[in-house]
PDB file of all heavy atoms in Angstrom:
ATOM      1  N   LEU A   1    -146.040 -69.731 -81.987  1.00  0.00           N
ATOM      2  CA  LEU A   1    -144.869 -70.195 -82.770  1.00  0.00           C
ATOM      3  C   LEU A   1    -143.905 -69.057 -83.087  1.00  0.00           C
ATOM      4  O   LEU A   1    -142.722 -69.266 -83.200  1.00  0.00           O
ATOM      5  CB  LEU A   1    -145.360 -70.847 -84.051  1.00  0.00           C
ATOM      6  CG  LEU A   1    -146.146 -72.180 -83.885  1.00  0.00           C
ATOM      7  CD1 LEU A   1    -146.672 -72.663 -85.255  1.00  0.00           C
ATOM      8  CD2 LEU A   1    -145.270 -73.253 -83.229  1.00  0.00           C
ATOM      9  N   LEU A   2    -144.472 -67.870 -83.308  1.00  0.00           N
ATOM     10  CA  LEU A   2    -143.639 -66.756 -83.737  1.00  0.00           C
ATOM     11  C   LEU A   2    -143.114 -65.871 -82.600  1.00  0.00           C
ATOM     12  O   LEU A   2    -142.314 -64.992 -82.849  1.00  0.00           O
ATOM     13  CB  LEU A   2    -144.462 -65.856 -84.707  1.00  0.00           C
ATOM     14  CG  LEU A   2    -144.736 -66.470 -86.047  1.00  0.00           C
ATOM     15  CD1 LEU A   2    -145.723 -65.608 -86.828  1.00  0.00           C
ATOM     16  CD2 LEU A   2    -143.479 -66.679 -86.856  1.00  0.00           C
ATOM     17  N   ARG A   3    -143.478 -66.156 -81.363  1.00  0.00           N
ATOM     18  CA  ARG A   3    -142.924 -65.430 -80.263  1.00  0.00           C
ATOM     19  C   ARG A   3    -141.474 -65.897 -80.022  1.00  0.00           C
ATOM     20  O   ARG A   3    -141.133 -67.016 -80.322  1.00  0.00           O
ATOM     21  CB  ARG A   3    -143.708 -65.704 -78.973  1.00  0.00           C
ATOM     22  CG  ARG A   3    -145.020 -64.919 -78.868  1.00  0.00           C
ATOM     23  CD  ARG A   3    -145.686 -65.268 -77.549  1.00  0.00           C
ATOM     24  NE  ARG A   3    -146.963 -64.622 -77.460  1.00  0.00           N
ATOM     25  CZ  ARG A   3    -147.168 -63.419 -76.939  1.00  0.00           C
ATOM     26  NH1 ARG A   3    -146.111 -62.741 -76.473  1.00  0.00           N
ATOM     27  NH2 ARG A   3    -148.341 -62.900 -76.828  1.00  0.00           N
ATOM     28  N   PRO A   4    -140.635 -65.051 -79.497  1.00  0.00           N
ATOM     29  CA  PRO A   4    -139.265 -65.480 -79.127  1.00  0.00           C
ATOM     30  C   PRO A   4    -139.353 -66.643 -78.192  1.00  0.00           C
ATOM     31  O   PRO A   4    -140.088 -66.626 -77.204  1.00  0.00           O
ATOM     32  CB  PRO A   4    -138.654 -64.253 -78.460  1.00  0.00           C
ATOM     33  CG  PRO A   4    -139.447 -63.085 -79.026  1.00  0.00           C
ATOM     34  CD  PRO A   4    -140.830 -63.587 -79.232  1.00  0.00           C
ATOM     35  N   ARG A   5    -138.630 -67.708 -78.462  1.00  0.00           N
ATOM     36  CA  ARG A   5    -138.788 -68.981 -77.745  1.00  0.00           C
ATOM     37  C   ARG A   5    -138.110 -68.948 -76.374  1.00  0.00           C
ATOM     38  O   ARG A   5    -138.422 -69.728 -75.501  1.00  0.00           O
ATOM     39  CB  ARG A   5    -138.265 -70.142 -78.585  1.00  0.00           C
ATOM     40  CG  ARG A   5    -139.117 -70.421 -79.779  1.00  0.00           C
ATOM     41  CD  ARG A   5    -138.622 -71.631 -80.520  1.00  0.00           C
ATOM     42  NE  ARG A   5    -139.526 -72.005 -81.583  1.00  0.00           N
ATOM     43  CZ  ARG A   5    -139.583 -71.420 -82.733  1.00  0.00           C
ATOM     44  NH1 ARG A   5    -138.769 -70.396 -83.026  1.00  0.00           N
ATOM     45  NH2 ARG A   5    -140.422 -71.809 -83.670  1.00  0.00           N
ATOM     46  N   SER A   6    -137.146 -68.095 -76.159  1.00  0.00           N
ATOM     47  CA  SER A   6    -136.435 -68.117 -74.857  1.00  0.00           C
ATOM     48  C   SER A   6    -135.769 -66.778 -74.640  1.00  0.00           C
ATOM     49  O   SER A   6    -135.594 -66.001 -75.580  1.00  0.00           O
ATOM     50  CB  SER A   6    -135.395 -69.221 -74.813  1.00  0.00           C
ATOM     51  OG  SER A   6    -134.318 -68.918 -75.658  1.00  0.00           O
ATOM     52  N   SER A   7    -135.360 -66.548 -73.425  1.00  0.00           N
ATOM     53  CA  SER A   7    -134.662 -65.314 -73.126  1.00  0.00           C
ATOM     54  C   SER A   7    -133.323 -65.237 -73.828  1.00  0.00           C
ATOM     55  O   SER A   7    -132.759 -64.160 -74.020  1.00  0.00           O
ATOM     56  CB  SER A   7    -134.488 -65.162 -71.601  1.00  0.00           C
ATOM     57  OG  SER A   7    -133.723 -66.272 -71.134  1.00  0.00           O
ATOM     58  N   GLN A   8    -132.768 -66.388 -74.270  1.00  0.00           N
ATOM     59  CA  GLN A   8    -131.504 -66.405 -74.968  1.00  0.00           C
ATOM     60  C   GLN A   8    -131.611 -65.708 -76.331  1.00  0.00           C
ATOM     61  O   GLN A   8    -130.639 -65.237 -76.862  1.00  0.00           O
ATOM     62  CB  GLN A   8    -131.021 -67.842 -75.175  1.00  0.00           C
ATOM     63  CG  GLN A   8    -130.705 -68.546 -73.866  1.00  0.00           C
ATOM     64  CD  GLN A   8    -130.241 -69.961 -74.098  1.00  0.00           C
ATOM     65  OE1 GLN A   8    -130.414 -70.507 -75.179  1.00  0.00           O
ATOM     66  NE2 GLN A   8    -129.674 -70.595 -73.069  1.00  0.00           N
ATOM     67  N   GLU A   9    -132.858 -65.641 -76.894  1.00  0.00           N
ATOM     68  CA  GLU A   9    -133.038 -64.988 -78.188  1.00  0.00           C
ATOM     69  C   GLU A   9    -133.163 -63.470 -78.046  1.00  0.00           C
ATOM     70  O   GLU A   9    -133.151 -62.773 -79.012  1.00  0.00           O
ATOM     71  CB  GLU A   9    -134.288 -65.579 -78.886  1.00  0.00           C
ATOM     72  CG  GLU A   9    -134.127 -66.987 -79.370  1.00  0.00           C
ATOM     73  CD  GLU A   9    -135.225 -67.367 -80.317  1.00  0.00           C
ATOM     74  OE1 GLU A   9    -135.868 -66.481 -80.891  1.00  0.00           O
ATOM     75  OE2 GLU A   9    -135.490 -68.570 -80.465  1.00  0.00           O
ATOM     76  N   LYS A  10    -133.324 -62.967 -76.845  1.00  0.00           N
ATOM     77  CA  LYS A  10    -133.508 -61.554 -76.634  1.00  0.00           C
ATOM     78  C   LYS A  10    -132.164 -60.860 -76.513  1.00  0.00           C
ATOM     79  O   LYS A  10    -131.403 -61.157 -75.590  1.00  0.00           O
ATOM     80  CB  LYS A  10    -134.324 -61.306 -75.370  1.00  0.00           C
ATOM     81  CG  LYS A  10    -134.664 -59.845 -75.147  1.00  0.00           C
ATOM     82  CD  LYS A  10    -135.332 -59.644 -73.828  1.00  0.00           C
ATOM     83  CE  LYS A  10    -136.626 -60.411 -73.749  1.00  0.00           C
ATOM     84  NZ  LYS A  10    -137.311 -60.141 -72.454  1.00  0.00           N
ATOM     85  N   PRO A  11    -131.789 -59.987 -77.443  1.00  0.00           N
ATOM     86  CA  PRO A  11    -130.517 -59.284 -77.359  1.00  0.00           C
ATOM     87  C   PRO A  11    -130.454 -58.409 -76.130  1.00  0.00           C
ATOM     88  O   PRO A  11    -131.467 -57.913 -75.639  1.00  0.00           O
ATOM     89  CB  PRO A  11    -130.484 -58.441 -78.673  1.00  0.00           C
ATOM     90  CG  PRO A  11    -131.509 -59.059 -79.545  1.00  0.00           C
ATOM     91  CD  PRO A  11    -132.560 -59.608 -78.624  1.00  0.00           C
ATOM     92  N   THR A  12    -129.260 -58.248 -75.586  1.00  0.00           N
ATOM     93  CA  THR A  12    -129.054 -57.355 -74.441  1.00  0.00           C
ATOM     94  C   THR A  12    -128.162 -56.227 -74.806  1.00  0.00           C
ATOM     95  O   THR A  12    -127.404 -56.271 -75.790  1.00  0.00           O
ATOM     96  CB  THR A  12    -128.449 -58.160 -73.261  1.00  0.00           C
ATOM     97  OG1 THR A  12    -127.200 -58.685 -73.697  1.00  0.00           O
ATOM     98  CG2 THR A  12    -129.385 -59.258 -72.823  1.00  0.00           C
ATOM     99  N   GLY A  13    -128.222 -55.141 -74.009  1.00  0.00           N
ATOM    100  CA  GLY A  13    -127.378 -54.005 -74.296  1.00  0.00           C
ATOM    101  C   GLY A  13    -127.933 -53.111 -75.413  1.00  0.00           C
ATOM    102  O   GLY A  13    -129.005 -53.383 -75.970  1.00  0.00           O
ATOM    103  N   PRO A  14    -127.223 -52.035 -75.736  1.00  0.00           N
ATOM    104  CA  PRO A  14    -127.685 -51.101 -76.756  1.00  0.00           C
ATOM    105  C   PRO A  14    -127.850 -51.845 -78.084  1.00  0.00           C
ATOM    106  O   PRO A  14    -127.079 -52.723 -78.440  1.00  0.00           O
ATOM    107  CB  PRO A  14    -126.534 -50.122 -76.881  1.00  0.00           C
ATOM    108  CG  PRO A  14    -125.823 -50.208 -75.575  1.00  0.00           C
ATOM    109  CD  PRO A  14    -125.923 -51.642 -75.137  1.00  0.00           C
ATOM    110  N   ARG A  15    -128.887 -51.526 -78.822  1.00  0.00           N
ATOM    111  CA  ARG A  15    -129.167 -52.229 -80.103  1.00  0.00           C
ATOM    112  C   ARG A  15    -129.637 -51.213 -81.139  1.00  0.00           C
ATOM    113  O   ARG A  15    -130.824 -50.850 -81.180  1.00  0.00           O
ATOM    114  CB  ARG A  15    -130.212 -53.345 -79.887  1.00  0.00           C
ATOM    115  CG  ARG A  15    -130.418 -54.248 -81.118  1.00  0.00           C
ATOM    116  CD  ARG A  15    -131.156 -55.485 -80.746  1.00  0.00           C
ATOM    117  NE  ARG A  15    -131.593 -56.202 -81.933  1.00  0.00           N
ATOM    118  CZ  ARG A  15    -130.865 -57.073 -82.595  1.00  0.00           C
ATOM    119  NH1 ARG A  15    -129.650 -57.334 -82.184  1.00  0.00           N
ATOM    120  NH2 ARG A  15    -131.344 -57.722 -83.634  1.00  0.00           N
ATOM    121  N   ASP A  16    -128.725 -50.809 -81.999  1.00  0.00           N
ATOM    122  CA  ASP A  16    -129.070 -49.998 -83.114  1.00  0.00           C
ATOM    123  C   ASP A  16    -128.607 -50.733 -84.373  1.00  0.00           C
ATOM    124  O   ASP A  16    -128.240 -51.889 -84.306  1.00  0.00           O
ATOM    125  CB  ASP A  16    -128.367 -48.594 -82.973  1.00  0.00           C
ATOM    126  CG  ASP A  16    -129.028 -47.549 -83.828  1.00  0.00           C
ATOM    127  OD1 ASP A  16    -129.878 -47.871 -84.682  1.00  0.00           O
ATOM    128  OD2 ASP A  16    -128.644 -46.344 -83.713  1.00  0.00           O
ATOM    129  N   PHE A  17    -128.609 -50.056 -85.509  1.00  0.00           N
ATOM    130  CA  PHE A  17    -128.342 -50.773 -86.755  1.00  0.00           C
ATOM    131  C   PHE A  17    -127.013 -51.497 -86.763  1.00  0.00           C
ATOM    132  O   PHE A  17    -126.921 -52.654 -87.272  1.00  0.00           O
ATOM    133  CB  PHE A  17    -128.471 -49.850 -87.943  1.00  0.00           C
ATOM    134  CG  PHE A  17    -128.275 -50.537 -89.256  1.00  0.00           C
ATOM    135  CD1 PHE A  17    -129.193 -51.515 -89.666  1.00  0.00           C
ATOM    136  CD2 PHE A  17    -127.178 -50.293 -90.068  1.00  0.00           C
ATOM    137  CE1 PHE A  17    -129.017 -52.192 -90.865  1.00  0.00           C
ATOM    138  CE2 PHE A  17    -127.020 -50.946 -91.241  1.00  0.00           C
ATOM    139  CZ  PHE A  17    -127.944 -51.900 -91.694  1.00  0.00           C
ATOM    140  N   PRO A  18    -125.882 -50.922 -86.234  1.00  0.00           N
ATOM    141  CA  PRO A  18    -124.655 -51.692 -86.232  1.00  0.00           C
ATOM    142  C   PRO A  18    -124.769 -53.054 -85.532  1.00  0.00           C
ATOM    143  O   PRO A  18    -124.212 -54.042 -86.033  1.00  0.00           O
ATOM    144  CB  PRO A  18    -123.684 -50.756 -85.506  1.00  0.00           C
ATOM    145  CG  PRO A  18    -124.200 -49.380 -85.761  1.00  0.00           C
ATOM    146  CD  PRO A  18    -125.694 -49.567 -85.742  1.00  0.00           C
ATOM    147  N   GLU A  19    -125.448 -53.089 -84.404  1.00  0.00           N
ATOM    148  CA  GLU A  19    -125.613 -54.372 -83.692  1.00  0.00           C
ATOM    149  C   GLU A  19    -126.501 -55.308 -84.470  1.00  0.00           C
ATOM    150  O   GLU A  19    -126.296 -56.523 -84.538  1.00  0.00           O
ATOM    151  CB  GLU A  19    -126.229 -54.109 -82.288  1.00  0.00           C
ATOM    152  CG  GLU A  19    -125.279 -53.417 -81.290  1.00  0.00           C
ATOM    153  CD  GLU A  19    -125.094 -51.939 -81.561  1.00  0.00           C
ATOM    154  OE1 GLU A  19    -126.004 -51.349 -82.174  1.00  0.00           O
ATOM    155  OE2 GLU A  19    -124.048 -51.395 -81.201  1.00  0.00           O
ATOM    156  N   ILE A  20    -127.554 -54.758 -85.084  1.00  0.00           N
ATOM    157  CA  ILE A  20    -128.476 -55.595 -85.911  1.00  0.00           C
ATOM    158  C   ILE A  20    -127.712 -56.140 -87.085  1.00  0.00           C
ATOM    159  O   ILE A  20    -127.836 -57.351 -87.428  1.00  0.00           O
ATOM    160  CB  ILE A  20    -129.682 -54.741 -86.320  1.00  0.00           C
ATOM    161  CG1 ILE A  20    -130.535 -54.363 -85.115  1.00  0.00           C
ATOM    162  CG2 ILE A  20    -130.516 -55.484 -87.376  1.00  0.00           C
ATOM    163  CD1 ILE A  20    -131.576 -53.303 -85.423  1.00  0.00           C
ATOM    164  N   GLN A  21    -126.945 -55.312 -87.759  1.00  0.00           N
ATOM    165  CA  GLN A  21    -126.190 -55.737 -88.911  1.00  0.00           C
ATOM    166  C   GLN A  21    -125.164 -56.814 -88.565  1.00  0.00           C
ATOM    167  O   GLN A  21    -124.922 -57.748 -89.305  1.00  0.00           O
ATOM    168  CB  GLN A  21    -125.524 -54.522 -89.572  1.00  0.00           C
ATOM    169  CG  GLN A  21    -124.898 -54.808 -90.896  1.00  0.00           C
ATOM    170  CD  GLN A  21    -124.346 -53.537 -91.572  1.00  0.00           C
ATOM    171  OE1 GLN A  21    -123.774 -52.688 -90.932  1.00  0.00           O
ATOM    172  NE2 GLN A  21    -124.556 -53.409 -92.872  1.00  0.00           N
ATOM    173  N   SER A  22    -124.513 -56.628 -87.419  1.00  0.00           N
ATOM    174  CA  SER A  22    -123.501 -57.601 -86.955  1.00  0.00           C
ATOM    175  C   SER A  22    -124.165 -58.961 -86.722  1.00  0.00           C
ATOM    176  O   SER A  22    -123.620 -59.982 -87.095  1.00  0.00           O
ATOM    177  CB  SER A  22    -122.849 -57.108 -85.655  1.00  0.00           C
ATOM    178  OG  SER A  22    -121.957 -58.043 -85.178  1.00  0.00           O
ATOM    179  N   GLU A  23    -125.358 -58.978 -86.137  1.00  0.00           N
ATOM    180  CA  GLU A  23    -126.050 -60.247 -85.887  1.00  0.00           C
ATOM    181  C   GLU A  23    -126.693 -60.740 -87.141  1.00  0.00           C
ATOM    182  O   GLU A  23    -126.842 -62.005 -87.320  1.00  0.00           O
ATOM    183  CB  GLU A  23    -127.134 -60.042 -84.804  1.00  0.00           C
ATOM    184  CG  GLU A  23    -127.842 -61.327 -84.423  1.00  0.00           C
ATOM    185  CD  GLU A  23    -128.991 -61.063 -83.473  1.00  0.00           C
ATOM    186  OE1 GLU A  23    -129.560 -59.962 -83.468  1.00  0.00           O
ATOM    187  OE2 GLU A  23    -129.361 -62.016 -82.734  1.00  0.00           O
ATOM    188  N   GLY A  24    -127.086 -59.856 -88.060  1.00  0.00           N
ATOM    189  CA  GLY A  24    -127.699 -60.255 -89.301  1.00  0.00           C
ATOM    190  C   GLY A  24    -129.188 -60.538 -89.210  1.00  0.00           C
ATOM    191  O   GLY A  24    -129.820 -61.068 -90.095  1.00  0.00           O
ATOM    192  N   ILE A  25    -129.805 -60.137 -88.066  1.00  0.00           N
ATOM    193  CA  ILE A  25    -131.235 -60.415 -87.816  1.00  0.00           C
ATOM    194  C   ILE A  25    -131.927 -59.168 -87.415  1.00  0.00           C
ATOM    195  O   ILE A  25    -131.511 -58.430 -86.523  1.00  0.00           O
ATOM    196  CB  ILE A  25    -131.394 -61.485 -86.688  1.00  0.00           C
ATOM    197  CG1 ILE A  25    -130.747 -62.800 -87.069  1.00  0.00           C
ATOM    198  CG2 ILE A  25    -132.881 -61.689 -86.363  1.00  0.00           C
ATOM    199  CD1 ILE A  25    -130.692 -63.800 -85.961  1.00  0.00           C
ATOM    200  N   LEU A  26    -133.035 -58.881 -88.106  1.00  0.00           N
ATOM    201  CA  LEU A  26    -133.915 -57.741 -87.779  1.00  0.00           C
ATOM    202  C   LEU A  26    -135.200 -58.299 -87.258  1.00  0.00           C
ATOM    203  O   LEU A  26    -135.916 -59.035 -87.921  1.00  0.00           O
ATOM    204  CB  LEU A  26    -134.162 -56.924 -89.047  1.00  0.00           C
ATOM    205  CG  LEU A  26    -134.988 -55.624 -88.912  1.00  0.00           C
ATOM    206  CD1 LEU A  26    -134.292 -54.638 -88.005  1.00  0.00           C
ATOM    207  CD2 LEU A  26    -135.234 -54.990 -90.277  1.00  0.00           C
ATOM    208  N   ARG A  27    -135.491 -57.945 -85.990  1.00  0.00           N
ATOM    209  CA  ARG A  27    -136.694 -58.555 -85.341  1.00  0.00           C
ATOM    210  C   ARG A  27    -137.885 -57.538 -85.452  1.00  0.00           C
ATOM    211  O   ARG A  27    -137.778 -56.398 -84.991  1.00  0.00           O
ATOM    212  CB  ARG A  27    -136.389 -58.825 -83.872  1.00  0.00           C
ATOM    213  CG  ARG A  27    -135.382 -59.955 -83.717  1.00  0.00           C
ATOM    214  CD  ARG A  27    -135.055 -60.168 -82.228  1.00  0.00           C
ATOM    215  NE  ARG A  27    -134.338 -61.427 -82.064  1.00  0.00           N
ATOM    216  CZ  ARG A  27    -133.033 -61.610 -82.253  1.00  0.00           C
ATOM    217  NH1 ARG A  27    -132.304 -60.589 -82.640  1.00  0.00           N
ATOM    218  NH2 ARG A  27    -132.450 -62.779 -82.061  1.00  0.00           N
ATOM    219  N   VAL A  28    -138.961 -58.025 -86.064  1.00  0.00           N
ATOM    220  CA  VAL A  28    -140.113 -57.185 -86.344  1.00  0.00           C
ATOM    221  C   VAL A  28    -141.334 -57.796 -85.655  1.00  0.00           C
ATOM    222  O   VAL A  28    -141.513 -58.991 -85.646  1.00  0.00           O
ATOM    223  CB  VAL A  28    -140.354 -57.134 -87.875  1.00  0.00           C
ATOM    224  CG1 VAL A  28    -141.617 -56.387 -88.170  1.00  0.00           C
ATOM    225  CG2 VAL A  28    -139.203 -56.478 -88.543  1.00  0.00           C
ATOM    226  N   VAL A  29    -142.183 -56.914 -85.068  1.00  0.00           N
ATOM    227  CA  VAL A  29    -143.442 -57.393 -84.500  1.00  0.00           C
ATOM    228  C   VAL A  29    -144.568 -56.679 -85.236  1.00  0.00           C
ATOM    229  O   VAL A  29    -144.497 -55.512 -85.514  1.00  0.00           O
ATOM    230  CB  VAL A  29    -143.502 -57.097 -82.959  1.00  0.00           C
ATOM    231  CG1 VAL A  29    -143.425 -55.632 -82.666  1.00  0.00           C
ATOM    232  CG2 VAL A  29    -144.754 -57.734 -82.387  1.00  0.00           C
ATOM    233  N   THR A  30    -145.611 -57.433 -85.547  1.00  0.00           N
ATOM    234  CA  THR A  30    -146.777 -56.887 -86.210  1.00  0.00           C
ATOM    235  C   THR A  30    -148.015 -57.608 -85.649  1.00  0.00           C
ATOM    236  O   THR A  30    -147.920 -58.461 -84.760  1.00  0.00           O
ATOM    237  CB  THR A  30    -146.683 -57.004 -87.719  1.00  0.00           C
ATOM    238  OG1 THR A  30    -147.742 -56.246 -88.325  1.00  0.00           O
ATOM    239  CG2 THR A  30    -146.738 -58.446 -88.187  1.00  0.00           C
ATOM    240  N   GLU A  31    -149.188 -57.310 -86.170  1.00  0.00           N
ATOM    241  CA  GLU A  31    -150.455 -57.891 -85.709  1.00  0.00           C
ATOM    242  C   GLU A  31    -150.953 -58.892 -86.721  1.00  0.00           C
ATOM    243  O   GLU A  31    -150.557 -58.878 -87.917  1.00  0.00           O
ATOM    244  CB  GLU A  31    -151.460 -56.827 -85.446  1.00  0.00           C
ATOM    245  CG  GLU A  31    -151.845 -56.033 -86.700  1.00  0.00           C
ATOM    246  CD  GLU A  31    -152.740 -54.873 -86.474  1.00  0.00           C
ATOM    247  OE1 GLU A  31    -153.579 -54.979 -85.517  1.00  0.00           O
ATOM    248  OE2 GLU A  31    -152.645 -53.856 -87.204  1.00  0.00           O
ATOM    249  N   TYR A  32    -151.864 -59.756 -86.307  1.00  0.00           N
ATOM    250  CA  TYR A  32    -152.503 -60.698 -87.223  1.00  0.00           C
ATOM    251  C   TYR A  32    -153.715 -60.018 -87.815  1.00  0.00           C
ATOM    252  O   TYR A  32    -154.756 -59.893 -87.197  1.00  0.00           O
ATOM    253  CB  TYR A  32    -152.905 -61.971 -86.495  1.00  0.00           C
ATOM    254  CG  TYR A  32    -153.342 -63.049 -87.467  1.00  0.00           C
ATOM    255  CD1 TYR A  32    -152.402 -63.956 -88.000  1.00  0.00           C
ATOM    256  CD2 TYR A  32    -154.671 -63.183 -87.830  1.00  0.00           C
ATOM    257  CE1 TYR A  32    -152.800 -64.955 -88.879  1.00  0.00           C
ATOM    258  CE2 TYR A  32    -155.063 -64.171 -88.714  1.00  0.00           C
ATOM    259  CZ  TYR A  32    -154.124 -65.036 -89.277  1.00  0.00           C
ATOM    260  OH  TYR A  32    -154.549 -66.046 -90.139  1.00  0.00           O
ATOM    261  N   SER A  33    -153.576 -59.540 -89.044  1.00  0.00           N
ATOM    262  CA  SER A  33    -154.643 -58.828 -89.773  1.00  0.00           C
ATOM    263  C   SER A  33    -154.184 -58.651 -91.187  1.00  0.00           C
ATOM    264  O   SER A  33    -153.031 -58.817 -91.521  1.00  0.00           O
ATOM    265  CB  SER A  33    -154.921 -57.481 -89.133  1.00  0.00           C
ATOM    266  OG  SER A  33    -153.897 -56.566 -89.431  1.00  0.00           O
ATOM    267  N   PRO A  34    -155.118 -58.260 -92.109  1.00  0.00           N
ATOM    268  CA  PRO A  34    -154.729 -58.013 -93.477  1.00  0.00           C
ATOM    269  C   PRO A  34    -153.685 -56.902 -93.624  1.00  0.00           C
ATOM    270  O   PRO A  34    -152.883 -56.896 -94.550  1.00  0.00           O
ATOM    271  CB  PRO A  34    -156.031 -57.589 -94.167  1.00  0.00           C
ATOM    272  CG  PRO A  34    -157.105 -58.282 -93.370  1.00  0.00           C
ATOM    273  CD  PRO A  34    -156.597 -58.246 -91.967  1.00  0.00           C
ATOM    274  N   SER A  35    -153.687 -55.982 -92.652  1.00  0.00           N
ATOM    275  CA  SER A  35    -152.689 -54.891 -92.696  1.00  0.00           C
ATOM    276  C   SER A  35    -151.389 -55.288 -92.042  1.00  0.00           C
ATOM    277  O   SER A  35    -150.408 -54.598 -92.149  1.00  0.00           O
ATOM    278  CB  SER A  35    -153.234 -53.618 -92.022  1.00  0.00           C
ATOM    279  OG  SER A  35    -153.365 -53.826 -90.643  1.00  0.00           O
ATOM    280  N   GLY A  36    -151.344 -56.465 -91.392  1.00  0.00           N
ATOM    281  CA  GLY A  36    -150.143 -56.916 -90.730  1.00  0.00           C
ATOM    282  C   GLY A  36    -149.602 -58.172 -91.345  1.00  0.00           C
ATOM    283  O   GLY A  36    -148.764 -58.179 -92.251  1.00  0.00           O
ATOM    284  N   TYR A  37    -150.125 -59.313 -90.862  1.00  0.00           N
ATOM    285  CA  TYR A  37    -149.651 -60.623 -91.257  1.00  0.00           C
ATOM    286  C   TYR A  37    -150.821 -61.572 -91.125  1.00  0.00           C
ATOM    287  O   TYR A  37    -151.565 -61.524 -90.125  1.00  0.00           O
ATOM    288  CB  TYR A  37    -148.516 -61.031 -90.303  1.00  0.00           C
ATOM    289  CG  TYR A  37    -148.031 -62.443 -90.334  1.00  0.00           C
ATOM    290  CD1 TYR A  37    -146.740 -62.743 -90.802  1.00  0.00           C
ATOM    291  CD2 TYR A  37    -148.805 -63.521 -89.832  1.00  0.00           C
ATOM    292  CE1 TYR A  37    -146.272 -64.051 -90.802  1.00  0.00           C
ATOM    293  CE2 TYR A  37    -148.334 -64.816 -89.863  1.00  0.00           C
ATOM    294  CZ  TYR A  37    -147.068 -65.096 -90.317  1.00  0.00           C
ATOM    295  OH  TYR A  37    -146.577 -66.375 -90.327  1.00  0.00           O
ATOM    296  N   TYR A  38    -151.032 -62.412 -92.091  1.00  0.00           N
ATOM    297  CA  TYR A  38    -152.090 -63.425 -91.955  1.00  0.00           C
ATOM    298  C   TYR A  38    -151.801 -64.601 -92.942  1.00  0.00           C
ATOM    299  O   TYR A  38    -150.944 -64.511 -93.804  1.00  0.00           O
ATOM    300  CB  TYR A  38    -153.457 -62.852 -92.227  1.00  0.00           C
ATOM    301  CG  TYR A  38    -153.771 -62.441 -93.662  1.00  0.00           C
ATOM    302  CD1 TYR A  38    -154.542 -63.260 -94.477  1.00  0.00           C
ATOM    303  CD2 TYR A  38    -153.266 -61.250 -94.168  1.00  0.00           C
ATOM    304  CE1 TYR A  38    -154.842 -62.901 -95.797  1.00  0.00           C
ATOM    305  CE2 TYR A  38    -153.537 -60.893 -95.484  1.00  0.00           C
ATOM    306  CZ  TYR A  38    -154.343 -61.689 -96.273  1.00  0.00           C
ATOM    307  OH  TYR A  38    -154.610 -61.375 -97.572  1.00  0.00           O
ATOM    308  N   VAL A  39    -152.519 -65.676 -92.694  1.00  0.00           N
ATOM    309  CA  VAL A  39    -152.333 -66.905 -93.492  1.00  0.00           C
ATOM    310  C   VAL A  39    -153.510 -67.009 -94.459  1.00  0.00           C
ATOM    311  O   VAL A  39    -154.652 -66.977 -94.080  1.00  0.00           O
ATOM    312  CB  VAL A  39    -152.272 -68.155 -92.605  1.00  0.00           C
ATOM    313  CG1 VAL A  39    -152.063 -69.400 -93.470  1.00  0.00           C
ATOM    314  CG2 VAL A  39    -151.160 -68.000 -91.605  1.00  0.00           C
ATOM    315  N   SER A  40    -153.208 -67.133 -95.767  1.00  0.00           N
ATOM    316  CA  SER A  40    -154.245 -67.308 -96.769  1.00  0.00           C
ATOM    317  C   SER A  40    -153.918 -68.606 -97.511  1.00  0.00           C
ATOM    318  O   SER A  40    -153.022 -68.690 -98.340  1.00  0.00           O
ATOM    319  CB  SER A  40    -154.190 -66.153 -97.768  1.00  0.00           C
ATOM    320  OG  SER A  40    -155.134 -66.345 -98.823  1.00  0.00           O
ATOM    321  N   GLY A  41    -154.704 -69.652 -97.156  1.00  0.00           N
ATOM    322  CA  GLY A  41    -154.386 -70.986 -97.731  1.00  0.00           C
ATOM    323  C   GLY A  41    -153.085 -71.459 -97.182  1.00  0.00           C
ATOM    324  O   GLY A  41    -152.847 -71.591 -95.977  1.00  0.00           O
ATOM    325  N   ASP A  42    -152.133 -71.709 -98.098  1.00  0.00           N
ATOM    326  CA  ASP A  42    -150.796 -72.103 -97.679  1.00  0.00           C
ATOM    327  C   ASP A  42    -149.787 -70.950 -97.864  1.00  0.00           C
ATOM    328  O   ASP A  42    -148.565 -71.202 -97.951  1.00  0.00           O
ATOM    329  CB  ASP A  42    -150.343 -73.348 -98.436  1.00  0.00           C
ATOM    330  CG  ASP A  42    -150.321 -73.146 -99.961  1.00  0.00           C
ATOM    331  OD1 ASP A  42    -150.726 -72.049-100.403  1.00  0.00           O
ATOM    332  OD2 ASP A  42    -149.913 -74.054-100.674  1.00  0.00           O
ATOM    333  N   THR A  43    -150.289 -69.711 -97.965  1.00  0.00           N
ATOM    334  CA  THR A  43    -149.441 -68.573 -98.262  1.00  0.00           C
ATOM    335  C   THR A  43    -149.477 -67.554 -97.081  1.00  0.00           C
ATOM    336  O   THR A  43    -150.554 -67.321 -96.554  1.00  0.00           O
ATOM    337  CB  THR A  43    -149.885 -67.879 -99.527  1.00  0.00           C
ATOM    338  OG1 THR A  43    -149.870 -68.802-100.613  1.00  0.00           O
ATOM    339  CG2 THR A  43    -148.956 -66.700 -99.868  1.00  0.00           C
TER     340      THR A  43
END
């Protein structure tokens, strides 16, 4: 569910903070673990 759904979501060309700020989206990848991201109940 959390993977990018299509190649259309993948930015192309140089991508530093100005491009990120212009789009308004910061894409982060982490692992499923207590040190990364996990589901606890409904949280």
